Amino acid sequence: MFIIPAIDIIDGKCVRLTQGDYAQKKIYNEQPLEVAKKLEDFGIKRLHLVDLDGAKQKKIVNINVLQSIAAHTSLHIDFGGGIQSDYDIELAFNSGARQVTAGSIAIKNPTLVESWINQYGHEKIILGADTRMGTIAISGWQENTETSVFELLQQYISKGLHYCICTDVTKDGLLQGPSFDLYSQILQRFPKLKLIASGGVSSIEDVEKLNDMGLYGVIIGKAFYEGKIKLQELSKFLH
């Protein structure tokens, strides 16, 4: 299982929100590149980089952070936040993203996202499925939809999708454990899906349980920044 630390960006700084609330913002480092280099030095291979300003403004804003981390590390970066158009996705890939996460746009414009899967290939596109009580939440979790996470996955897997980051919004940033039941149900329905858990991971025990369940990857955010999970504890997962 891949360990994928998250760097969330507002105003060029590394921050964390609680349950997607921009009013509950905590700045952890004003230099995201410093964080990325520290992770790489320890043996981390992958990074989940989110442009929170972009998610809000519906266009990429903090492209310079992506360019900087891509230029000065060899981390495999998946980039999300504000990717709403052909221009945005091309900019992300040209700036060093190895994969791109399609979140709200996957609900609002499925034809466009399907065209990206066809154009760039299934290895390049990750579905960002943010769920609240089993249905999809979009636009920085400000809007709820009627679409279930299973419907959305079925729709995209039938179009060739291989990767999904699934975040339980109700768990995010609370350090109370991830949605094991939800992930188990998804993997039972879609056993070939490369499922990446996100939200609520709070201890090395959570990471070990997700690994035992057969997840492809786990995104670790606040637990890493708050010292709940030490890099040393993760060393057995690094490959």
Protein backbone atom coordinates (compact mmCIF):
# COMPACT_ATOMS: atom_id res chain seq x y z
CA MET A 1 0.00 0.00 0.00
CA PHE A 2 1.30 3.44 -0.91
CA ILE A 3 1.69 6.05 1.83
CA ILE A 4 0.61 9.36 0.30
CA PRO A 5 1.06 12.45 2.47
CA ALA A 6 -1.18 15.40 1.63
CA ILE A 7 -0.07 18.98 1.15
CA ASP A 8 -3.03 21.37 0.95
CA ILE A 9 -2.29 24.88 -0.30
CA ILE A 10 -3.90 28.23 0.50
CA ASP A 11 -2.03 31.43 -0.44
CA GLY A 12 1.01 29.34 -1.31
CA LYS A 13 1.22 27.93 2.23
CA CYS A 14 0.84 24.41 3.57
CA VAL A 15 -2.40 24.28 5.58
CA ARG A 16 -5.04 21.87 6.87
CA LEU A 17 -8.77 22.48 7.12
CA THR A 18 -11.22 20.69 9.39
CA GLN A 19 -14.07 19.07 7.43
CA GLY A 20 -13.34 21.35 4.48
CA ASP A 21 -14.15 24.51 6.45
CA TYR A 22 -11.96 27.38 5.21
CA ALA A 23 -12.71 29.22 8.47
CA GLN A 24 -11.00 26.36 10.34
CA LYS A 25 -7.63 26.77 8.68
CA LYS A 26 -4.31 26.00 10.34
CA ILE A 27 -1.02 26.92 8.69
CA TYR A 28 1.68 24.27 9.20
CA ASN A 29 4.44 25.57 6.98
CA GLU A 30 4.81 28.63 4.76
CA GLN A 31 7.17 26.70 2.46
CA PRO A 32 5.45 23.62 0.96
CA LEU A 33 8.67 22.67 -0.83
CA GLU A 34 10.37 22.24 2.57
CA VAL A 35 7.67 19.76 3.59
CA ALA A 36 7.91 17.89 0.29
CA LYS A 37 11.71 17.61 0.52
CA LYS A 38 11.50 16.30 4.09
CA LEU A 39 9.06 13.63 2.95
CA GLU A 40 11.23 12.64 0.01
CA ASP A 41 14.36 12.49 2.17
CA PHE A 42 12.63 9.96 4.40
CA GLY A 43 11.73 7.70 1.48
CA ILE A 44 8.19 8.82 0.66
CA LYS A 45 7.53 8.39 -3.07
CA ARG A 46 4.09 9.94 -3.56
CA LEU A 47 2.40 13.22 -2.74
CA HIS A 48 -1.22 14.36 -2.82
CA LEU A 49 -1.11 18.08 -3.61
CA VAL A 50 -4.35 20.05 -3.37
CA ASP A 51 -4.89 23.64 -4.48
CA LEU A 52 -7.61 24.73 -2.04
CA ASP A 53 -7.73 28.23 -3.54
CA GLY A 54 -8.24 26.56 -6.89
CA ALA A 55 -11.06 24.39 -5.57
CA LYS A 56 -12.82 27.54 -4.36
CA GLN A 57 -12.18 29.64 -7.48
CA LYS A 58 -12.82 26.75 -9.91
CA LYS A 59 -9.49 27.23 -11.66
CA ILE A 60 -5.88 26.43 -10.79
CA VAL A 61 -4.40 29.15 -8.58
CA ASN A 62 -1.25 27.81 -6.86
CA ILE A 63 0.43 26.41 -9.96
CA ASN A 64 3.81 27.75 -8.79
CA VAL A 65 3.75 25.35 -5.81
CA LEU A 66 3.25 22.37 -8.12
CA GLN A 67 6.01 23.58 -10.43
CA SER A 68 8.41 24.11 -7.52
CA ILE A 69 7.85 20.69 -5.90
CA ALA A 70 7.97 18.90 -9.26
CA ALA A 71 11.21 20.67 -10.22
CA HIS A 72 13.03 20.11 -6.93
CA THR A 73 11.87 16.61 -5.92
CA SER A 74 11.23 13.33 -7.71
CA LEU A 75 7.92 12.76 -5.88
CA HIS A 76 5.05 11.23 -7.86
CA ILE A 77 2.54 14.08 -7.48
CA ASP A 78 -1.18 13.74 -7.92
CA PHE A 79 -2.67 17.20 -8.17
CA GLY A 80 -6.20 18.37 -7.58
CA GLY A 81 -8.21 21.48 -6.85
CA GLY A 82 -9.72 23.69 -9.52
CA ILE A 83 -9.19 21.43 -12.51
CA GLN A 84 -12.27 22.32 -14.54
CA SER A 85 -11.13 22.56 -18.15
CA ASP A 86 -8.83 21.18 -20.83
CA TYR A 87 -6.59 24.17 -20.18
CA ASP A 88 -6.34 23.36 -16.45
CA ILE A 89 -5.46 19.70 -16.90
CA GLU A 90 -2.88 20.47 -19.57
CA LEU A 91 -1.34 23.11 -17.30
CA ALA A 92 -1.17 20.63 -14.40
CA PHE A 93 0.56 17.94 -16.47
CA ASN A 94 2.92 20.44 -18.09
CA SER A 95 3.82 21.72 -14.60
CA GLY A 96 4.91 18.32 -13.36
CA ALA A 97 1.81 16.50 -12.09
CA ARG A 98 2.02 12.76 -12.74
CA GLN A 99 -1.69 12.25 -12.07
CA VAL A 100 -4.66 14.58 -11.77
CA THR A 101 -7.65 14.21 -9.48
CA ALA A 102 -11.04 15.01 -11.01
CA GLY A 103 -13.48 15.85 -8.24
CA SER A 104 -16.47 18.16 -8.72
CA ILE A 105 -15.98 18.20 -12.48
CA ALA A 106 -16.61 14.43 -12.56
CA ILE A 107 -20.19 15.13 -11.48
CA LYS A 108 -20.73 18.40 -13.34
CA ASN A 109 -19.21 17.44 -16.68
CA PRO A 110 -18.72 13.67 -17.04
CA THR A 111 -18.25 13.94 -20.79
CA LEU A 112 -15.19 16.12 -20.25
CA VAL A 113 -13.67 13.77 -17.68
CA GLU A 114 -14.32 10.77 -19.91
CA SER A 115 -12.48 12.60 -22.69
CA TRP A 116 -9.50 13.07 -20.33
CA ILE A 117 -9.42 9.33 -19.57
CA ASN A 118 -9.38 8.66 -23.32
CA GLN A 119 -6.81 11.35 -24.09
CA TYR A 120 -4.34 10.88 -21.22
CA GLY A 121 -4.99 7.24 -20.29
CA HIS A 122 -6.40 5.57 -17.21
CA GLU A 123 -3.07 5.78 -15.34
CA LYS A 124 -3.26 9.58 -15.34
CA ILE A 125 -6.76 10.31 -14.03
CA ILE A 126 -7.95 9.75 -10.47
CA LEU A 127 -11.61 10.10 -9.55
CA GLY A 128 -12.00 12.23 -6.43
CA ALA A 129 -15.10 10.83 -4.74
CA ASP A 130 -15.92 12.93 -1.68
CA THR A 131 -18.80 11.38 0.20
CA ARG A 132 -21.13 12.53 2.93
CA MET A 133 -23.46 9.82 4.29
CA GLY A 134 -22.91 7.77 1.13
CA THR A 135 -23.67 10.48 -1.45
CA ILE A 136 -21.21 12.69 -3.31
CA ALA A 137 -20.36 16.20 -2.07
CA ILE A 138 -18.83 18.69 -4.50
CA SER A 139 -17.43 22.24 -4.76
CA GLY A 140 -15.14 22.00 -1.76
CA TRP A 141 -17.87 19.98 -0.01
CA GLN A 142 -20.19 22.98 -0.03
CA GLU A 143 -22.80 21.23 -2.22
CA ASN A 144 -24.47 17.85 -1.74
CA THR A 145 -25.69 15.73 -4.64
CA GLU A 146 -28.13 12.86 -4.98
CA THR A 147 -25.48 10.60 -6.57
CA SER A 148 -24.23 7.69 -4.48
CA VAL A 149 -20.53 6.88 -4.41
CA PHE A 150 -21.32 3.45 -5.91
CA GLU A 151 -23.22 4.98 -8.85
CA LEU A 152 -20.35 7.35 -9.56
CA LEU A 153 -17.77 4.58 -9.42
CA GLN A 154 -19.83 2.29 -11.66
CA GLN A 155 -20.19 5.10 -14.19
CA TYR A 156 -16.46 5.80 -14.39
CA ILE A 157 -15.15 2.26 -14.08
CA SER A 158 -17.28 1.42 -17.12
CA LYS A 159 -15.37 4.19 -18.94
CA GLY A 160 -11.96 2.74 -18.05
CA LEU A 161 -11.21 4.45 -14.73
CA HIS A 162 -8.70 2.59 -12.50
CA TYR A 163 -8.02 4.98 -9.59
CA CYS A 164 -10.21 6.60 -6.95
CA ILE A 165 -9.48 8.72 -3.89
CA CYS A 166 -12.48 8.35 -1.60
CA THR A 167 -12.83 10.88 1.22
CA ASP A 168 -15.51 10.67 3.87
CA VAL A 169 -16.16 14.35 4.52
CA THR A 170 -17.60 13.65 7.96
CA LYS A 171 -14.28 12.11 9.04
CA ASP A 172 -11.84 14.55 7.48
CA GLY A 173 -9.55 16.41 9.85
CA LEU A 174 -11.12 14.96 12.99
CA LEU A 175 -8.49 12.26 13.67
CA GLN A 176 -11.23 9.79 14.62
CA GLY A 177 -10.42 7.00 12.19
CA PRO A 178 -11.31 6.41 8.53
CA SER A 179 -14.48 4.88 7.03
CA PHE A 180 -13.43 1.25 7.08
CA ASP A 181 -16.96 -0.02 6.36
CA LEU A 182 -17.36 2.22 3.31
CA TYR A 183 -14.00 1.15 1.87
CA SER A 184 -14.81 -2.49 2.49
CA GLN A 185 -18.11 -2.13 0.62
CA ILE A 186 -16.41 -0.37 -2.31
CA LEU A 187 -13.74 -3.05 -2.62
CA GLN A 188 -16.35 -5.82 -2.48
CA ARG A 189 -18.25 -4.18 -5.34
CA PHE A 190 -15.19 -3.13 -7.36
CA PRO A 191 -12.33 -5.51 -6.45
CA LYS A 192 -10.02 -4.32 -9.24
CA LEU A 193 -10.31 -0.63 -8.31
CA LYS A 194 -7.12 1.03 -7.06
CA LEU A 195 -8.79 2.61 -4.04
CA ILE A 196 -7.03 5.29 -2.01
CA ALA A 197 -8.42 6.05 1.45
CA SER A 198 -8.57 9.65 2.62
CA GLY A 199 -9.97 11.32 5.71
CA GLY A 200 -9.81 10.49 9.39
CA VAL A 201 -6.57 8.49 9.41
CA SER A 202 -5.30 9.07 12.94
CA SER A 203 -2.86 6.32 13.94
CA ILE A 204 -0.47 3.72 12.62
CA GLU A 205 -3.13 1.14 13.53
CA ASP A 206 -5.51 2.78 11.03
CA VAL A 207 -2.82 2.53 8.36
CA GLU A 208 -2.16 -1.14 9.15
CA LYS A 209 -5.87 -1.99 9.00
CA LEU A 210 -6.30 -0.28 5.63
CA ASN A 211 -3.27 -2.18 4.35
CA ASP A 212 -4.75 -5.46 5.54
CA MET A 213 -8.01 -4.61 3.75
CA GLY A 214 -6.16 -4.36 0.45
CA LEU A 215 -6.32 -0.65 -0.29
CA TYR A 216 -3.99 0.68 -2.96
CA GLY A 217 -2.99 3.74 -0.95
CA VAL A 218 -3.75 5.94 2.03
CA ILE A 219 -3.59 9.71 2.20
CA ILE A 220 -2.30 11.03 5.52
CA GLY A 221 -2.83 14.68 6.37
CA LYS A 222 -3.49 16.12 9.79
CA ALA A 223 -2.20 13.01 11.63
CA PHE A 224 1.20 13.60 10.04
CA TYR A 225 1.27 17.33 10.77
CA GLU A 226 0.03 16.90 14.35
CA GLY A 227 2.56 14.16 15.08
CA LYS A 228 -0.05 11.43 15.58
CA ILE A 229 1.75 9.32 13.00
CA LYS A 230 5.55 9.57 12.87
CA LEU A 231 7.44 9.07 9.63
CA GLN A 232 9.50 6.38 11.35
CA GLU A 233 6.33 4.33 11.96
CA LEU A 234 5.61 4.33 8.25
CA SER A 235 8.99 2.99 7.18
CA LYS A 236 7.75 -0.60 6.77
CA PHE A 237 5.26 0.58 4.15
CA LEU A 238 7.82 2.44 2.05
CA HIS A 239 8.95 0.58 -1.05
